[in-house]
């Protein structure tokens, strides 16, 4: 498998965690989002892979090209079920997916680079952009805090889908200096993940394109 990735992309980070938790080998294909010409993701070669011009994208062993982190992780879960990321219980699976969707759909899009750039184009200064980010990230994490368990990882003794989405979101929150002290359950999960080999392997600091 080939993963088109950027070390600091939270969406790419999610997929790297899922691959690591499942023990799957892949080749990282770095896509630099910040080169002066507008980002390698906006070049024709990459747009032929993902017309949206975003990372991640996954080329499977069978040659299929997949985009969108949640869809990619669902594919990995179905194609390689040996190390499950989802519960067998249907209601529990829906709960796990809800937390992942809350992060992927309701928090992340409101602070990603395209949103930040548009805010700047509309005349907002950096302090206002950070205030915007802090508002939406804090609001979302406050909900996640209520949805996860009192001990262990997000939803059980083993990391799963919810953890694969939460940990990259925390990395982004720290980048944007969003206070996290109000979320003790989330803090517990972060501490556990910091000691887990799969999360260490997937961390932005440990990627081939890390500056």
N, C-alpha and C. Protein backbone atom coordinates (compact mmCIF):
# COMPACT_ATOMS: atom_id res chain seq x y z
N UNK A 1 0.84 -1.19 0.00
CA UNK A 1 0.00 0.00 0.00
C UNK A 1 0.88 1.25 0.00
N UNK A 2 0.35 2.30 -0.62
CA UNK A 2 1.01 3.60 -0.61
C UNK A 2 0.07 4.62 0.02
N UNK A 3 0.58 5.36 0.98
CA UNK A 3 -0.20 6.39 1.64
C UNK A 3 0.35 7.76 1.26
N UNK A 4 -0.45 8.54 0.55
CA UNK A 4 -0.10 9.91 0.25
C UNK A 4 -0.42 10.72 1.50
N UNK A 5 0.60 11.34 2.07
CA UNK A 5 0.48 11.86 3.42
C UNK A 5 1.27 13.14 3.58
N UNK A 6 0.96 13.89 4.61
CA UNK A 6 1.74 15.05 5.00
C UNK A 6 1.91 14.94 6.51
N UNK A 7 3.11 15.14 6.99
CA UNK A 7 3.40 14.80 8.38
C UNK A 7 2.47 15.49 9.37
N UNK A 8 2.05 16.73 9.09
CA UNK A 8 1.28 17.52 10.03
C UNK A 8 -0.22 17.47 9.78
N UNK A 9 -0.62 16.79 8.73
CA UNK A 9 -2.04 16.66 8.42
C UNK A 9 -2.72 15.76 9.44
N UNK A 10 -3.75 16.27 10.12
CA UNK A 10 -4.43 15.44 11.11
C UNK A 10 -5.18 14.30 10.45
N UNK A 11 -5.71 14.52 9.24
CA UNK A 11 -6.41 13.45 8.55
C UNK A 11 -5.45 12.32 8.16
N UNK A 12 -4.25 12.69 7.69
CA UNK A 12 -3.25 11.67 7.39
C UNK A 12 -2.82 10.93 8.65
N UNK A 13 -2.68 11.68 9.73
CA UNK A 13 -2.27 11.12 11.03
C UNK A 13 -3.26 10.04 11.47
N UNK A 14 -4.57 10.26 11.27
CA UNK A 14 -5.58 9.26 11.62
C UNK A 14 -5.32 7.94 10.90
N UNK A 15 -5.07 8.04 9.61
CA UNK A 15 -4.88 6.83 8.82
C UNK A 15 -3.58 6.13 9.23
N UNK A 16 -2.55 6.90 9.51
CA UNK A 16 -1.29 6.29 9.96
C UNK A 16 -1.51 5.52 11.26
N UNK A 17 -2.31 6.07 12.17
CA UNK A 17 -2.61 5.36 13.42
C UNK A 17 -3.34 4.07 13.13
N UNK A 18 -4.35 4.11 12.27
CA UNK A 18 -5.11 2.91 11.95
C UNK A 18 -4.21 1.84 11.34
N UNK A 19 -3.35 2.23 10.41
CA UNK A 19 -2.41 1.28 9.80
C UNK A 19 -1.49 0.68 10.85
N UNK A 20 -0.99 1.52 11.75
CA UNK A 20 -0.07 1.03 12.78
C UNK A 20 -0.77 0.11 13.76
N UNK A 21 -1.99 0.46 14.16
CA UNK A 21 -2.73 -0.40 15.09
C UNK A 21 -2.99 -1.77 14.48
N UNK A 22 -3.20 -1.81 13.19
CA UNK A 22 -3.45 -3.07 12.51
C UNK A 22 -2.16 -3.79 12.09
N UNK A 23 -1.03 -3.14 12.30
CA UNK A 23 0.24 -3.76 11.94
C UNK A 23 0.45 -3.90 10.45
N UNK A 24 -0.07 -2.97 9.68
CA UNK A 24 0.00 -3.05 8.22
C UNK A 24 1.17 -2.23 7.69
N UNK A 25 1.92 -2.82 6.79
CA UNK A 25 3.03 -2.12 6.16
C UNK A 25 2.52 -1.23 5.02
N UNK A 26 3.16 -0.09 4.85
CA UNK A 26 2.80 0.81 3.75
C UNK A 26 4.02 1.66 3.42
N UNK A 27 3.99 2.21 2.23
CA UNK A 27 5.01 3.16 1.81
C UNK A 27 4.43 4.56 1.89
N UNK A 28 5.09 5.43 2.63
CA UNK A 28 4.64 6.81 2.74
C UNK A 28 5.09 7.58 1.51
N UNK A 29 4.16 8.29 0.88
CA UNK A 29 4.46 9.16 -0.25
C UNK A 29 4.16 10.59 0.21
N UNK A 30 5.17 11.33 0.67
CA UNK A 30 4.91 12.67 1.20
C UNK A 30 4.37 13.63 0.14
N UNK A 31 3.39 14.42 0.53
CA UNK A 31 2.81 15.45 -0.32
C UNK A 31 2.94 16.76 0.44
N UNK A 32 3.86 17.59 0.02
CA UNK A 32 4.13 18.85 0.74
C UNK A 32 3.03 19.86 0.45
N UNK A 33 2.27 20.21 1.48
CA UNK A 33 1.14 21.14 1.31
C UNK A 33 1.57 22.60 1.30
N UNK A 34 2.84 22.88 1.60
CA UNK A 34 3.25 24.25 1.84
C UNK A 34 4.35 24.75 0.91
N UNK A 35 4.62 24.06 -0.19
CA UNK A 35 5.66 24.54 -1.10
C UNK A 35 5.22 25.86 -1.72
N UNK A 36 6.17 26.71 -2.14
CA UNK A 36 5.83 28.06 -2.61
C UNK A 36 4.86 28.10 -3.79
N UNK A 37 4.86 27.08 -4.64
CA UNK A 37 4.00 27.11 -5.82
C UNK A 37 2.54 26.82 -5.49
N UNK A 38 2.21 26.73 -4.22
CA UNK A 38 0.82 26.53 -3.85
C UNK A 38 0.53 25.16 -3.27
N UNK A 39 1.56 24.36 -3.08
CA UNK A 39 1.38 23.05 -2.49
C UNK A 39 1.40 21.95 -3.53
N UNK A 40 2.14 20.89 -3.22
CA UNK A 40 2.19 19.76 -4.16
C UNK A 40 0.82 19.14 -4.36
N UNK A 41 -0.05 19.31 -3.41
CA UNK A 41 -1.40 18.77 -3.51
C UNK A 41 -2.24 19.48 -4.57
N UNK A 42 -1.81 20.67 -5.02
CA UNK A 42 -2.55 21.41 -6.03
C UNK A 42 -1.98 21.22 -7.42
N UNK A 43 -0.95 20.40 -7.55
CA UNK A 43 -0.33 20.16 -8.85
C UNK A 43 -1.10 19.09 -9.62
N UNK A 44 -1.06 19.14 -10.96
CA UNK A 44 -1.83 18.19 -11.76
C UNK A 44 -1.55 16.73 -11.43
N UNK A 45 -0.30 16.43 -11.10
CA UNK A 45 0.05 15.03 -10.82
C UNK A 45 -0.73 14.50 -9.61
N UNK A 46 -0.86 15.35 -8.58
CA UNK A 46 -1.60 14.88 -7.42
C UNK A 46 -3.11 14.98 -7.61
N UNK A 47 -3.56 16.00 -8.32
CA UNK A 47 -5.00 16.13 -8.58
C UNK A 47 -5.53 14.96 -9.40
N UNK A 48 -4.66 14.32 -10.16
CA UNK A 48 -5.07 13.11 -10.88
C UNK A 48 -5.31 11.96 -9.91
N UNK A 49 -4.67 12.02 -8.74
CA UNK A 49 -4.86 10.99 -7.71
C UNK A 49 -6.07 11.32 -6.85
N UNK A 50 -6.15 12.57 -6.41
CA UNK A 50 -7.27 13.03 -5.59
C UNK A 50 -7.75 14.38 -6.12
N UNK A 51 -8.85 14.41 -6.86
CA UNK A 51 -9.32 15.67 -7.46
C UNK A 51 -9.62 16.75 -6.44
N UNK A 52 -9.83 16.38 -5.18
CA UNK A 52 -10.08 17.37 -4.13
C UNK A 52 -8.79 18.09 -3.73
N UNK A 53 -7.64 17.48 -4.04
CA UNK A 53 -6.37 18.10 -3.72
C UNK A 53 -6.04 18.07 -2.25
N UNK A 54 -6.48 17.03 -1.56
CA UNK A 54 -6.21 16.93 -0.12
C UNK A 54 -5.56 15.59 0.20
N UNK A 55 -4.96 15.53 1.37
CA UNK A 55 -4.43 14.27 1.87
C UNK A 55 -5.30 13.86 3.06
N UNK A 56 -5.34 12.54 3.32
CA UNK A 56 -4.58 11.46 2.69
C UNK A 56 -5.29 10.89 1.47
N UNK A 57 -4.53 10.10 0.73
CA UNK A 57 -5.07 9.20 -0.27
C UNK A 57 -4.33 7.88 -0.08
N UNK A 58 -5.00 6.79 -0.33
CA UNK A 58 -4.39 5.46 -0.16
C UNK A 58 -4.52 4.67 -1.44
N UNK A 59 -3.38 4.19 -1.92
CA UNK A 59 -3.40 3.24 -3.04
C UNK A 59 -3.30 1.85 -2.43
N UNK A 60 -4.32 1.04 -2.61
CA UNK A 60 -4.36 -0.28 -2.00
C UNK A 60 -3.44 -1.25 -2.73
N UNK A 61 -3.25 -2.40 -2.11
CA UNK A 61 -2.42 -3.43 -2.75
C UNK A 61 -3.03 -3.90 -4.06
N UNK A 62 -4.33 -3.73 -4.20
CA UNK A 62 -5.01 -4.12 -5.44
C UNK A 62 -5.03 -3.00 -6.47
N UNK A 63 -4.49 -1.82 -6.10
CA UNK A 63 -4.38 -0.72 -7.04
C UNK A 63 -5.49 0.31 -6.97
N UNK A 64 -6.47 0.12 -6.10
CA UNK A 64 -7.54 1.10 -5.96
C UNK A 64 -7.02 2.35 -5.25
N UNK A 65 -7.56 3.51 -5.62
CA UNK A 65 -7.21 4.76 -4.97
C UNK A 65 -8.37 5.22 -4.11
N UNK A 66 -8.11 5.40 -2.83
CA UNK A 66 -9.14 5.79 -1.88
C UNK A 66 -8.80 7.15 -1.29
N UNK A 67 -9.83 7.95 -1.02
CA UNK A 67 -9.65 9.25 -0.38
C UNK A 67 -10.58 9.36 0.82
N UNK A 68 -10.38 10.41 1.62
CA UNK A 68 -11.14 10.70 2.83
C UNK A 68 -10.77 9.72 3.95
N UNK A 69 -10.25 10.26 5.05
CA UNK A 69 -9.69 9.42 6.11
C UNK A 69 -10.70 8.43 6.69
N UNK A 70 -11.93 8.86 6.90
CA UNK A 70 -12.91 7.95 7.47
C UNK A 70 -13.22 6.80 6.53
N UNK A 71 -13.36 7.08 5.25
CA UNK A 71 -13.61 6.02 4.27
C UNK A 71 -12.41 5.08 4.17
N UNK A 72 -11.20 5.63 4.22
CA UNK A 72 -10.00 4.79 4.15
C UNK A 72 -9.93 3.87 5.36
N UNK A 73 -10.19 4.41 6.54
CA UNK A 73 -10.11 3.58 7.75
C UNK A 73 -11.21 2.53 7.77
N UNK A 74 -12.40 2.87 7.29
CA UNK A 74 -13.46 1.87 7.19
C UNK A 74 -13.05 0.75 6.22
N UNK A 75 -12.40 1.12 5.12
CA UNK A 75 -11.89 0.11 4.19
C UNK A 75 -10.89 -0.80 4.89
N UNK A 76 -9.94 -0.21 5.61
CA UNK A 76 -8.94 -1.02 6.31
C UNK A 76 -9.60 -1.95 7.32
N UNK A 77 -10.64 -1.46 8.00
CA UNK A 77 -11.33 -2.27 8.99
C UNK A 77 -12.00 -3.47 8.33
N UNK A 78 -12.56 -3.30 7.16
CA UNK A 78 -13.25 -4.39 6.48
C UNK A 78 -12.27 -5.31 5.75
N UNK A 79 -11.23 -4.73 5.20
CA UNK A 79 -10.25 -5.53 4.43
C UNK A 79 -9.31 -6.29 5.34
N UNK A 80 -8.97 -5.71 6.50
CA UNK A 80 -8.02 -6.33 7.43
C UNK A 80 -8.64 -6.36 8.83
N UNK A 81 -9.60 -7.25 9.05
CA UNK A 81 -10.36 -7.26 10.31
C UNK A 81 -9.63 -7.91 11.48
N UNK A 82 -8.42 -8.42 11.27
CA UNK A 82 -7.75 -9.22 12.30
C UNK A 82 -7.52 -8.44 13.59
N UNK A 83 -7.23 -7.15 13.49
CA UNK A 83 -7.09 -6.29 14.67
C UNK A 83 -8.20 -5.24 14.57
N UNK A 84 -9.34 -5.51 15.17
CA UNK A 84 -10.50 -4.63 14.95
C UNK A 84 -10.36 -3.27 15.62
N UNK A 85 -10.87 -2.26 14.94
CA UNK A 85 -10.93 -0.91 15.50
C UNK A 85 -12.33 -0.58 15.97
N UNK A 86 -13.29 -1.43 15.64
CA UNK A 86 -14.68 -1.22 16.01
C UNK A 86 -15.20 -2.39 16.84
N UNK A 87 -16.13 -2.11 17.72
CA UNK A 87 -16.77 -3.14 18.53
C UNK A 87 -17.63 -4.06 17.66
N UNK A 88 -17.92 -5.24 18.17
CA UNK A 88 -18.85 -6.12 17.47
C UNK A 88 -20.30 -5.71 17.69
N UNK A 89 -20.56 -5.02 18.78
CA UNK A 89 -21.91 -4.60 19.11
C UNK A 89 -22.31 -3.43 18.21
N UNK A 90 -23.48 -3.52 17.58
CA UNK A 90 -23.88 -2.53 16.59
C UNK A 90 -24.06 -1.14 17.20
N UNK A 91 -24.68 -1.07 18.38
CA UNK A 91 -24.87 0.23 19.01
C UNK A 91 -23.54 0.84 19.42
N UNK A 92 -22.63 0.00 19.91
CA UNK A 92 -21.30 0.49 20.29
C UNK A 92 -20.54 0.99 19.06
N UNK A 93 -20.69 0.29 17.94
CA UNK A 93 -20.03 0.72 16.70
C UNK A 93 -20.54 2.09 16.27
N UNK A 94 -21.85 2.28 16.39
CA UNK A 94 -22.43 3.58 16.02
C UNK A 94 -21.88 4.68 16.92
N UNK A 95 -21.71 4.38 18.21
CA UNK A 95 -21.16 5.36 19.15
C UNK A 95 -19.72 5.70 18.78
N UNK A 96 -18.93 4.70 18.44
CA UNK A 96 -17.55 4.91 18.04
C UNK A 96 -17.48 5.77 16.78
N UNK A 97 -18.34 5.44 15.82
CA UNK A 97 -18.37 6.22 14.58
C UNK A 97 -18.84 7.65 14.83
N UNK A 98 -19.74 7.83 15.79
CA UNK A 98 -20.23 9.18 16.08
C UNK A 98 -19.11 10.07 16.60
N UNK A 99 -18.27 9.54 17.47
CA UNK A 99 -17.14 10.32 17.99
C UNK A 99 -16.17 10.67 16.86
N UNK A 100 -15.89 9.68 16.00
CA UNK A 100 -15.00 9.94 14.87
C UNK A 100 -15.59 11.01 13.95
N UNK A 101 -16.89 10.92 13.69
CA UNK A 101 -17.53 11.89 12.80
C UNK A 101 -17.59 13.27 13.43
N UNK A 102 -17.81 13.33 14.74
CA UNK A 102 -17.83 14.62 15.44
C UNK A 102 -16.50 15.35 15.22
N UNK A 103 -15.41 14.59 15.34
CA UNK A 103 -14.09 15.19 15.16
C UNK A 103 -13.83 15.51 13.69
N UNK A 104 -14.10 14.54 12.80
CA UNK A 104 -13.76 14.70 11.39
C UNK A 104 -14.66 15.71 10.68
N UNK A 105 -15.91 15.79 11.08
CA UNK A 105 -16.88 16.61 10.34
C UNK A 105 -17.22 17.93 11.02
N UNK A 106 -17.17 17.96 12.36
CA UNK A 106 -17.63 19.15 13.08
C UNK A 106 -16.50 19.98 13.69
N UNK A 107 -15.34 19.37 13.94
CA UNK A 107 -14.22 20.14 14.50
C UNK A 107 -13.19 20.46 13.41
N UNK A 108 -12.66 19.43 12.81
CA UNK A 108 -11.52 19.60 11.90
C UNK A 108 -11.77 20.58 10.75
N UNK A 109 -12.92 20.52 10.06
CA UNK A 109 -13.10 21.43 8.92
C UNK A 109 -13.08 22.91 9.32
N UNK A 110 -13.35 23.20 10.58
CA UNK A 110 -13.42 24.60 11.01
C UNK A 110 -12.06 25.18 11.40
N UNK A 111 -11.01 24.33 11.36
CA UNK A 111 -9.68 24.89 11.64
C UNK A 111 -8.64 24.47 10.62
N UNK A 112 -9.04 23.77 9.56
CA UNK A 112 -8.01 23.33 8.62
C UNK A 112 -7.46 24.51 7.82
N UNK A 113 -6.45 24.26 7.04
CA UNK A 113 -5.73 25.37 6.40
C UNK A 113 -6.60 26.17 5.45
N UNK A 114 -7.51 25.52 4.74
CA UNK A 114 -8.35 26.25 3.79
C UNK A 114 -9.27 27.22 4.53
N UNK A 115 -9.81 26.80 5.68
CA UNK A 115 -10.66 27.69 6.47
C UNK A 115 -9.84 28.85 7.02
N UNK A 116 -8.66 28.57 7.54
CA UNK A 116 -7.80 29.64 8.05
C UNK A 116 -7.47 30.66 6.96
N UNK A 117 -7.13 30.15 5.79
CA UNK A 117 -6.75 31.06 4.70
C UNK A 117 -7.91 31.94 4.27
N UNK A 118 -9.12 31.38 4.26
CA UNK A 118 -10.28 32.17 3.89
C UNK A 118 -10.55 33.26 4.93
N UNK A 119 -10.42 32.91 6.20
CA UNK A 119 -10.59 33.92 7.25
C UNK A 119 -9.60 35.07 7.08
N UNK A 120 -8.36 34.73 6.74
CA UNK A 120 -7.36 35.77 6.52
C UNK A 120 -7.72 36.63 5.31
N UNK A 121 -8.22 35.98 4.24
CA UNK A 121 -8.61 36.73 3.05
C UNK A 121 -9.75 37.69 3.37
N UNK A 122 -10.58 37.34 4.32
CA UNK A 122 -11.71 38.19 4.72
C UNK A 122 -11.30 39.29 5.69
N UNK A 123 -9.99 39.35 6.00
CA UNK A 123 -9.49 40.45 6.79
C UNK A 123 -9.26 40.16 8.26
N UNK A 124 -9.42 38.91 8.67
CA UNK A 124 -9.19 38.58 10.08
C UNK A 124 -7.68 38.49 10.34
N UNK A 125 -7.24 39.05 11.47
CA UNK A 125 -5.83 38.95 11.82
C UNK A 125 -5.57 37.62 12.53
N UNK A 126 -4.28 37.36 12.85
CA UNK A 126 -3.92 36.06 13.41
C UNK A 126 -4.58 35.81 14.76
N UNK A 127 -4.73 36.85 15.56
CA UNK A 127 -5.39 36.67 16.87
C UNK A 127 -6.84 36.24 16.68
N UNK A 128 -7.52 36.81 15.71
CA UNK A 128 -8.91 36.44 15.45
C UNK A 128 -9.02 35.03 14.89
N UNK A 129 -8.07 34.66 14.04
CA UNK A 129 -8.07 33.29 13.50
C UNK A 129 -7.89 32.28 14.63
N UNK A 130 -6.95 32.56 15.54
CA UNK A 130 -6.73 31.66 16.67
C UNK A 130 -7.93 31.62 17.60
N UNK A 131 -8.61 32.74 17.75
CA UNK A 131 -9.81 32.77 18.58
C UNK A 131 -10.90 31.90 17.96
N UNK A 132 -11.06 31.99 16.65
CA UNK A 132 -12.02 31.14 15.92
C UNK A 132 -11.69 29.66 16.13
N UNK A 133 -10.42 29.32 15.92
CA UNK A 133 -10.01 27.92 16.08
C UNK A 133 -10.27 27.45 17.51
N UNK A 134 -9.86 28.25 18.48
CA UNK A 134 -10.04 27.86 19.87
C UNK A 134 -11.49 27.64 20.24
N UNK A 135 -12.38 28.48 19.71
CA UNK A 135 -13.81 28.32 20.00
C UNK A 135 -14.33 26.99 19.53
N UNK A 136 -14.09 26.65 18.26
CA UNK A 136 -14.67 25.44 17.70
C UNK A 136 -14.00 24.18 18.22
N UNK A 137 -12.68 24.22 18.41
CA UNK A 137 -12.00 23.04 18.95
C UNK A 137 -12.46 22.79 20.39
N UNK A 138 -12.55 23.83 21.19
CA UNK A 138 -12.97 23.67 22.59
C UNK A 138 -14.40 23.16 22.66
N UNK A 139 -15.27 23.70 21.84
CA UNK A 139 -16.67 23.25 21.85
C UNK A 139 -16.76 21.76 21.49
N UNK A 140 -16.01 21.35 20.48
CA UNK A 140 -16.05 19.96 20.07
C UNK A 140 -15.46 19.01 21.10
N UNK A 141 -14.32 19.39 21.66
CA UNK A 141 -13.69 18.53 22.66
C UNK A 141 -14.52 18.43 23.93
N UNK A 142 -15.26 19.48 24.27
CA UNK A 142 -16.14 19.40 25.43
C UNK A 142 -17.20 18.31 25.24
N UNK A 143 -17.69 18.15 24.02
CA UNK A 143 -18.64 17.09 23.73
C UNK A 143 -17.97 15.72 23.78
N UNK A 144 -16.78 15.61 23.17
CA UNK A 144 -16.06 14.33 23.20
C UNK A 144 -15.79 13.90 24.64
N UNK A 145 -15.42 14.86 25.49
CA UNK A 145 -15.14 14.55 26.89
C UNK A 145 -16.31 13.83 27.55
N UNK A 146 -17.53 14.19 27.18
CA UNK A 146 -18.71 13.56 27.77
C UNK A 146 -19.06 12.21 27.14
N UNK A 147 -18.49 11.94 25.98
CA UNK A 147 -18.86 10.74 25.24
C UNK A 147 -17.92 9.56 25.46
N UNK A 148 -16.77 9.80 26.08
CA UNK A 148 -15.80 8.72 26.25
C UNK A 148 -15.86 8.17 27.68
N UNK A 149 -15.19 7.04 27.87
CA UNK A 149 -15.25 6.32 29.14
C UNK A 149 -14.44 6.99 30.24
N UNK A 150 -14.65 6.52 31.47
CA UNK A 150 -13.95 7.06 32.64
C UNK A 150 -12.56 6.47 32.83
N UNK A 151 -12.25 5.40 32.12
CA UNK A 151 -10.93 4.78 32.24
C UNK A 151 -10.55 4.12 30.93
N UNK A 152 -9.27 3.82 30.80
CA UNK A 152 -8.79 3.20 29.57
C UNK A 152 -8.72 4.20 28.42
N UNK A 153 -8.76 3.65 27.21
CA UNK A 153 -8.78 4.50 26.03
C UNK A 153 -10.19 5.09 25.88
N UNK A 154 -10.49 5.64 24.74
CA UNK A 154 -11.78 6.33 24.60
C UNK A 154 -12.95 5.44 24.99
N UNK A 155 -12.94 4.22 24.46
CA UNK A 155 -14.07 3.32 24.67
C UNK A 155 -13.59 1.89 24.91
N UNK A 156 -12.85 1.70 25.98
CA UNK A 156 -12.40 0.36 26.29
C UNK A 156 -10.92 0.29 26.60
N UNK A 157 -10.47 -0.92 26.85
CA UNK A 157 -9.07 -1.13 27.23
C UNK A 157 -8.11 -1.02 26.05
N UNK A 158 -8.62 -1.20 24.84
CA UNK A 158 -7.76 -1.15 23.66
C UNK A 158 -8.13 0.07 22.81
N UNK A 159 -7.16 0.65 22.14
CA UNK A 159 -7.46 1.79 21.27
C UNK A 159 -8.26 1.35 20.05
N UNK A 160 -9.10 2.23 19.57
CA UNK A 160 -9.92 1.91 18.41
C UNK A 160 -10.16 3.14 17.55
N UNK A 161 -11.27 3.12 16.83
CA UNK A 161 -11.56 4.17 15.88
C UNK A 161 -11.59 5.56 16.52
N UNK A 162 -12.26 5.68 17.66
CA UNK A 162 -12.37 6.99 18.31
C UNK A 162 -10.99 7.54 18.68
N UNK A 163 -10.12 6.69 19.17
CA UNK A 163 -8.77 7.13 19.55
C UNK A 163 -7.97 7.59 18.33
N UNK A 164 -8.16 6.88 17.20
CA UNK A 164 -7.44 7.24 15.98
C UNK A 164 -7.82 8.63 15.49
N UNK A 165 -9.01 9.09 15.84
CA UNK A 165 -9.43 10.44 15.46
C UNK A 165 -9.12 11.46 16.54
N UNK A 166 -9.23 11.06 17.79
CA UNK A 166 -9.02 12.02 18.88
C UNK A 166 -7.57 12.48 18.98
N UNK A 167 -6.62 11.57 18.93
CA UNK A 167 -5.22 11.93 19.17
C UNK A 167 -4.70 12.95 18.15
N UNK A 168 -4.97 12.79 16.85
CA UNK A 168 -4.55 13.84 15.92
C UNK A 168 -5.23 15.18 16.18
N UNK A 169 -6.49 15.16 16.63
CA UNK A 169 -7.16 16.41 16.94
C UNK A 169 -6.48 17.12 18.12
N UNK A 170 -6.00 16.35 19.08
CA UNK A 170 -5.27 16.95 20.20
C UNK A 170 -3.95 17.55 19.74
N UNK A 171 -3.30 16.88 18.81
CA UNK A 171 -2.06 17.43 18.24
C UNK A 171 -2.33 18.80 17.62
N UNK A 172 -3.43 18.89 16.87
CA UNK A 172 -3.80 20.17 16.26
C UNK A 172 -4.13 21.21 17.33
N UNK A 173 -4.86 20.78 18.36
CA UNK A 173 -5.21 21.71 19.44
C UNK A 173 -3.97 22.30 20.09
N UNK A 174 -2.97 21.47 20.30
CA UNK A 174 -1.74 21.95 20.92
C UNK A 174 -1.00 22.90 19.98
N UNK A 175 -1.01 22.62 18.69
CA UNK A 175 -0.39 23.53 17.72
C UNK A 175 -1.01 24.91 17.79
N UNK A 176 -2.31 24.96 18.00
CA UNK A 176 -3.02 26.24 18.01
C UNK A 176 -3.23 26.79 19.43
N UNK A 177 -2.53 26.18 20.38
CA UNK A 177 -2.52 26.66 21.77
C UNK A 177 -3.91 26.70 22.39
N UNK A 178 -4.70 25.66 22.10
CA UNK A 178 -6.02 25.54 22.71
C UNK A 178 -5.86 24.87 24.08
N UNK A 179 -6.32 25.48 25.17
CA UNK A 179 -6.17 24.86 26.49
C UNK A 179 -6.93 23.53 26.57
N UNK A 180 -6.30 22.54 27.21
CA UNK A 180 -6.89 21.21 27.30
C UNK A 180 -7.13 20.75 28.73
N UNK A 181 -6.84 21.60 29.70
CA UNK A 181 -6.93 21.19 31.10
C UNK A 181 -8.35 20.85 31.53
N UNK A 182 -9.34 21.35 30.82
CA UNK A 182 -10.74 21.11 31.21
C UNK A 182 -11.24 19.73 30.80
N UNK A 183 -10.36 18.91 30.20
CA UNK A 183 -10.81 17.62 29.67
C UNK A 183 -9.97 16.49 30.27
N UNK A 184 -10.23 16.10 31.53
CA UNK A 184 -9.40 15.08 32.17
C UNK A 184 -9.51 13.70 31.52
N UNK A 185 -10.68 13.34 31.04
CA UNK A 185 -10.79 12.04 30.36
C UNK A 185 -9.95 12.02 29.09
N UNK A 186 -10.05 13.09 28.33
CA UNK A 186 -9.24 13.20 27.12
C UNK A 186 -7.76 13.19 27.46
N UNK A 187 -7.39 13.86 28.54
CA UNK A 187 -5.99 13.86 28.97
C UNK A 187 -5.50 12.47 29.31
N UNK A 188 -6.36 11.67 29.93
CA UNK A 188 -5.99 10.29 30.25
C UNK A 188 -5.72 9.49 28.98
N UNK A 189 -6.59 9.64 27.99
CA UNK A 189 -6.41 8.93 26.72
C UNK A 189 -5.11 9.37 26.05
N UNK A 190 -4.84 10.67 26.08
CA UNK A 190 -3.62 11.18 25.47
C UNK A 190 -2.38 10.59 26.13
N UNK A 191 -2.42 10.46 27.46
CA UNK A 191 -1.27 9.88 28.17
C UNK A 191 -1.06 8.42 27.80
N UNK A 192 -2.14 7.68 27.67
CA UNK A 192 -2.02 6.27 27.27
C UNK A 192 -1.47 6.16 25.85
N UNK A 193 -1.98 6.99 24.96
CA UNK A 193 -1.53 6.93 23.56
C UNK A 193 -0.06 7.30 23.44
N UNK A 194 0.40 8.21 24.28
CA UNK A 194 1.80 8.64 24.21
C UNK A 194 2.77 7.51 24.51
N UNK A 195 2.29 6.45 25.17
CA UNK A 195 3.13 5.30 25.50
C UNK A 195 2.90 4.11 24.59
N UNK A 196 1.97 4.23 23.64
CA UNK A 196 1.58 3.10 22.80
C UNK A 196 2.39 3.11 21.50
N UNK A 197 3.01 1.98 21.14
CA UNK A 197 3.89 1.97 19.96
C UNK A 197 3.24 2.44 18.67
N UNK A 198 1.97 2.09 18.46
CA UNK A 198 1.31 2.48 17.20
C UNK A 198 1.15 3.99 17.10
N UNK A 199 0.82 4.62 18.20
CA UNK A 199 0.64 6.07 18.19
C UNK A 199 1.99 6.78 18.08
N UNK A 200 3.01 6.20 18.70
CA UNK A 200 4.36 6.76 18.57
C UNK A 200 4.82 6.68 17.12
N UNK A 201 4.62 5.53 16.50
CA UNK A 201 5.01 5.33 15.10
C UNK A 201 4.32 6.32 14.17
N UNK A 202 3.05 6.60 14.44
CA UNK A 202 2.26 7.45 13.56
C UNK A 202 2.43 8.94 13.81
N UNK A 203 3.09 9.31 14.91
CA UNK A 203 3.19 10.71 15.31
C UNK A 203 3.88 11.56 14.24
N UNK A 204 3.42 12.80 14.07
CA UNK A 204 4.06 13.68 13.06
C UNK A 204 5.56 13.83 13.21
N UNK A 205 6.06 13.76 14.43
CA UNK A 205 7.50 13.93 14.64
C UNK A 205 8.31 12.77 14.06
N UNK A 206 7.65 11.67 13.76
CA UNK A 206 8.37 10.47 13.33
C UNK A 206 8.12 10.10 11.88
N UNK A 207 7.77 11.07 11.06
CA UNK A 207 7.48 10.81 9.65
C UNK A 207 8.65 11.19 8.75
N UNK A 208 8.75 10.54 7.58
CA UNK A 208 9.90 10.80 6.71
C UNK A 208 9.96 12.23 6.18
N UNK A 209 8.81 12.94 6.14
CA UNK A 209 8.82 14.30 5.64
C UNK A 209 8.83 15.34 6.75
N UNK A 210 9.03 14.91 7.99
CA UNK A 210 9.12 15.87 9.09
C UNK A 210 10.37 16.74 8.92
N UNK A 211 10.23 18.06 8.96
CA UNK A 211 11.41 18.92 8.77
C UNK A 211 12.46 18.69 9.85
